[in-house]
Amino acid sequence: MLQEFKDFAMKGNIVDLAVAVVIGAAFGKIVSSLVENLITPLVGILMGGVSFADMAWTYGEASFGYGAFLQSMLDFVIVAFVLFMVIKAMNKAQNMTAKEEEEVAEEPAGPTQEELLSEIRDLLKK
């Protein structure tokens, strides 16, 4: 049973998944920091310093903080847009690399041996 667990835990897919989770968590922190520290303040400046987080509706002793929900939705839209732009840039860079590889691979090949021999034959006939 221990050997089966070891075989399962050391499969390539499991290790790849673990690496992806760790890198994803680190990338999530980068994106969150970008949104919280750079983009959200810019949006706040553009909106005249309006913050949704403090908006609430009070009825008796109950307080409904709909502003925090609106702020979370705005943060989600900003994060989604930033991720879209990052992935778009990565795809563009990857496509550029692929095009360069195609250009190198598509260099015109020289004439074949048959073509060269045909040219020599034609020149000798003249």
C-alpha atoms as a PDB file:
ATOM      1  CA  MET A   1       0.000   0.000   0.000  1.00  0.00           C
ATOM      2  CA  LEU A   2       2.867   2.359   0.779  1.00  0.00           C
ATOM      3  CA  GLN A   3       4.427   1.634  -2.613  1.00  0.00           C
ATOM      4  CA  GLU A   4       1.109   2.350  -4.349  1.00  0.00           C
ATOM      5  CA  PHE A   5       0.871   5.693  -2.563  1.00  0.00           C
ATOM      6  CA  LYS A   6       4.461   6.534  -3.502  1.00  0.00           C
ATOM      7  CA  ASP A   7       3.767   5.670  -7.156  1.00  0.00           C
ATOM      8  CA  PHE A   8       0.641   7.827  -7.099  1.00  0.00           C
ATOM      9  CA  ALA A   9       2.304  10.794  -5.403  1.00  0.00           C
ATOM     10  CA  MET A  10       5.300  10.768  -7.709  1.00  0.00           C
ATOM     11  CA  LYS A  11       3.440  10.578 -10.997  1.00  0.00           C
ATOM     12  CA  GLY A  12       4.358  13.401 -13.349  1.00  0.00           C
ATOM     13  CA  ASN A  13       0.812  14.760 -13.414  1.00  0.00           C
ATOM     14  CA  ILE A  14       0.661  15.168  -9.639  1.00  0.00           C
ATOM     15  CA  VAL A  15       3.995  16.969  -9.490  1.00  0.00           C
ATOM     16  CA  ASP A  16       2.993  19.223 -12.418  1.00  0.00           C
ATOM     17  CA  LEU A  17      -0.271  20.033 -10.660  1.00  0.00           C
ATOM     18  CA  ALA A  18       1.548  20.897  -7.428  1.00  0.00           C
ATOM     19  CA  VAL A  19       3.915  23.217  -9.279  1.00  0.00           C
ATOM     20  CA  ALA A  20       0.972  24.849 -11.067  1.00  0.00           C
ATOM     21  CA  VAL A  21      -0.829  25.462  -7.764  1.00  0.00           C
ATOM     22  CA  VAL A  22       2.237  27.064  -6.166  1.00  0.00           C
ATOM     23  CA  ILE A  23       2.946  29.256  -9.202  1.00  0.00           C
ATOM     24  CA  GLY A  24      -0.756  30.129  -9.456  1.00  0.00           C
ATOM     25  CA  ALA A  25      -0.825  31.242  -5.824  1.00  0.00           C
ATOM     26  CA  ALA A  26       2.251  33.420  -6.322  1.00  0.00           C
ATOM     27  CA  PHE A  27       0.808  34.895  -9.527  1.00  0.00           C
ATOM     28  CA  GLY A  28      -2.472  35.554  -7.679  1.00  0.00           C
ATOM     29  CA  LYS A  29      -0.576  37.599  -5.092  1.00  0.00           C
ATOM     30  CA  ILE A  30       1.091  39.615  -7.857  1.00  0.00           C
ATOM     31  CA  VAL A  31      -2.230  40.338  -9.555  1.00  0.00           C
ATOM     32  CA  SER A  32      -3.924  41.199  -6.247  1.00  0.00           C
ATOM     33  CA  SER A  33      -1.124  43.601  -5.368  1.00  0.00           C
ATOM     34  CA  LEU A  34      -1.322  45.198  -8.808  1.00  0.00           C
ATOM     35  CA  VAL A  35      -5.054  45.700  -8.479  1.00  0.00           C
ATOM     36  CA  GLU A  36      -5.072  46.869  -4.844  1.00  0.00           C
ATOM     37  CA  ASN A  37      -2.028  49.133  -4.980  1.00  0.00           C
ATOM     38  CA  LEU A  38      -2.052  50.531  -8.499  1.00  0.00           C
ATOM     39  CA  ILE A  39      -5.267  50.090 -10.431  1.00  0.00           C
ATOM     40  CA  THR A  40      -7.903  50.573  -7.711  1.00  0.00           C
ATOM     41  CA  PRO A  41      -6.381  53.904  -6.568  1.00  0.00           C
ATOM     42  CA  LEU A  42      -6.350  55.065 -10.200  1.00  0.00           C
ATOM     43  CA  VAL A  43     -10.009  54.112 -10.572  1.00  0.00           C
ATOM     44  CA  GLY A  44     -10.725  55.953  -7.306  1.00  0.00           C
ATOM     45  CA  ILE A  45      -9.013  59.071  -8.627  1.00  0.00           C
ATOM     46  CA  LEU A  46     -10.982  58.876 -11.871  1.00  0.00           C
ATOM     47  CA  MET A  47     -14.240  58.437  -9.942  1.00  0.00           C
ATOM     48  CA  GLY A  48     -13.527  61.424  -7.713  1.00  0.00           C
ATOM     49  CA  GLY A  49     -12.567  59.444  -4.621  1.00  0.00           C
ATOM     50  CA  VAL A  50     -15.857  57.526  -4.430  1.00  0.00           C
ATOM     51  CA  SER A  51     -15.586  54.343  -2.378  1.00  0.00           C
ATOM     52  CA  PHE A  52     -18.378  51.811  -2.501  1.00  0.00           C
ATOM     53  CA  ALA A  53     -17.119  49.946   0.563  1.00  0.00           C
ATOM     54  CA  ASP A  54     -18.766  52.339   3.046  1.00  0.00           C
ATOM     55  CA  MET A  55     -22.211  52.320   1.436  1.00  0.00           C
ATOM     56  CA  ALA A  56     -24.812  50.594   3.576  1.00  0.00           C
ATOM     57  CA  TRP A  57     -28.540  50.534   4.056  1.00  0.00           C
ATOM     58  CA  THR A  58     -29.726  50.483   7.656  1.00  0.00           C
ATOM     59  CA  TYR A  59     -33.091  49.252   8.836  1.00  0.00           C
ATOM     60  CA  GLY A  60     -33.536  49.317  12.563  1.00  0.00           C
ATOM     61  CA  GLU A  61     -30.497  47.593  14.040  1.00  0.00           C
ATOM     62  CA  ALA A  62     -29.648  45.688  10.872  1.00  0.00           C
ATOM     63  CA  SER A  63     -27.128  47.115   8.443  1.00  0.00           C
ATOM     64  CA  PHE A  64     -26.921  45.830   4.882  1.00  0.00           C
ATOM     65  CA  GLY A  65     -23.450  46.572   3.495  1.00  0.00           C
ATOM     66  CA  TYR A  66     -24.250  46.522  -0.198  1.00  0.00           C
ATOM     67  CA  GLY A  67     -21.248  48.798  -0.811  1.00  0.00           C
ATOM     68  CA  ALA A  68     -18.804  46.052   0.148  1.00  0.00           C
ATOM     69  CA  PHE A  69     -20.529  43.766  -2.360  1.00  0.00           C
ATOM     70  CA  LEU A  70     -20.305  46.427  -5.080  1.00  0.00           C
ATOM     71  CA  GLN A  71     -16.632  46.967  -4.245  1.00  0.00           C
ATOM     72  CA  SER A  72     -15.988  43.214  -4.496  1.00  0.00           C
ATOM     73  CA  MET A  73     -17.692  43.110  -7.890  1.00  0.00           C
ATOM     74  CA  LEU A  74     -15.611  46.072  -9.096  1.00  0.00           C
ATOM     75  CA  ASP A  75     -12.436  44.399  -7.837  1.00  0.00           C
ATOM     76  CA  PHE A  76     -13.414  41.205  -9.688  1.00  0.00           C
ATOM     77  CA  VAL A  77     -13.938  43.097 -12.946  1.00  0.00           C
ATOM     78  CA  ILE A  78     -10.587  44.848 -12.547  1.00  0.00           C
ATOM     79  CA  VAL A  79      -8.762  41.581 -11.764  1.00  0.00           C
ATOM     80  CA  ALA A  80     -10.431  39.842 -14.710  1.00  0.00           C
ATOM     81  CA  PHE A  81      -9.442  42.685 -17.047  1.00  0.00           C
ATOM     82  CA  VAL A  82      -5.838  42.715 -15.804  1.00  0.00           C
ATOM     83  CA  LEU A  83      -5.579  38.943 -16.265  1.00  0.00           C
ATOM     84  CA  PHE A  84      -7.067  39.290 -19.750  1.00  0.00           C
ATOM     85  CA  MET A  85      -4.443  41.879 -20.673  1.00  0.00           C
ATOM     86  CA  VAL A  86      -1.572  39.812 -19.221  1.00  0.00           C
ATOM     87  CA  ILE A  87      -2.685  36.638 -21.019  1.00  0.00           C
ATOM     88  CA  LYS A  88      -3.242  38.583 -24.239  1.00  0.00           C
ATOM     89  CA  ALA A  89       0.322  39.953 -24.042  1.00  0.00           C
ATOM     90  CA  MET A  90       1.728  36.501 -23.288  1.00  0.00           C
ATOM     91  CA  ASN A  91      -0.146  34.965 -26.226  1.00  0.00           C
ATOM     92  CA  LYS A  92       1.072  37.732 -28.525  1.00  0.00           C
ATOM     93  CA  ALA A  93       4.672  37.164 -27.437  1.00  0.00           C
ATOM     94  CA  GLN A  94       4.273  33.410 -27.892  1.00  0.00           C
ATOM     95  CA  ASN A  95       2.758  33.876 -31.373  1.00  0.00           C
ATOM     96  CA  MET A  96       5.609  36.171 -32.344  1.00  0.00           C
ATOM     97  CA  THR A  97       8.099  33.498 -31.311  1.00  0.00           C
ATOM     98  CA  ALA A  98       6.190  30.868 -33.272  1.00  0.00           C
ATOM     99  CA  LYS A  99       6.158  33.106 -36.378  1.00  0.00           C
ATOM    100  CA  GLU A 100       9.910  33.631 -36.105  1.00  0.00           C
ATOM    101  CA  GLU A 101      10.408  29.864 -35.925  1.00  0.00           C
ATOM    102  CA  GLU A 102       8.185  29.407 -38.981  1.00  0.00           C
ATOM    103  CA  GLU A 103      10.158  32.022 -40.916  1.00  0.00           C
ATOM    104  CA  VAL A 104      13.399  30.238 -40.120  1.00  0.00           C
ATOM    105  CA  ALA A 105      11.875  26.883 -41.083  1.00  0.00           C
ATOM    106  CA  GLU A 106      10.354  28.270 -44.293  1.00  0.00           C
ATOM    107  CA  GLU A 107      13.588  29.576 -45.775  1.00  0.00           C
ATOM    108  CA  PRO A 108      13.570  28.674 -49.424  1.00  0.00           C
ATOM    109  CA  ALA A 109      15.389  25.471 -50.092  1.00  0.00           C
ATOM    110  CA  GLY A 110      17.926  25.489 -52.884  1.00  0.00           C
ATOM    111  CA  PRO A 111      17.211  23.768 -56.153  1.00  0.00           C
ATOM    112  CA  THR A 112      17.046  20.007 -56.104  1.00  0.00           C
ATOM    113  CA  GLN A 113      19.701  17.847 -57.663  1.00  0.00           C
ATOM    114  CA  GLU A 114      17.414  17.072 -60.595  1.00  0.00           C
ATOM    115  CA  GLU A 115      16.830  20.767 -61.241  1.00  0.00           C
ATOM    116  CA  LEU A 116      20.559  21.497 -61.191  1.00  0.00           C
ATOM    117  CA  LEU A 117      21.277  18.608 -63.554  1.00  0.00           C
ATOM    118  CA  SER A 118      18.510  19.795 -65.886  1.00  0.00           C
ATOM    119  CA  GLU A 119      20.018  23.291 -65.946  1.00  0.00           C
ATOM    120  CA  ILE A 120      23.484  21.895 -66.682  1.00  0.00           C
ATOM    121  CA  ARG A 121      22.050  19.734 -69.471  1.00  0.00           C
ATOM    122  CA  ASP A 122      20.220  22.721 -70.980  1.00  0.00           C
ATOM    123  CA  LEU A 123      23.349  24.875 -70.801  1.00  0.00           C
ATOM    124  CA  LEU A 124      25.433  22.162 -72.471  1.00  0.00           C
ATOM    125  CA  LYS A 125      22.869  21.845 -75.277  1.00  0.00           C
ATOM    126  CA  LYS A 126      23.234  25.545 -76.047  1.00  0.00           C
END
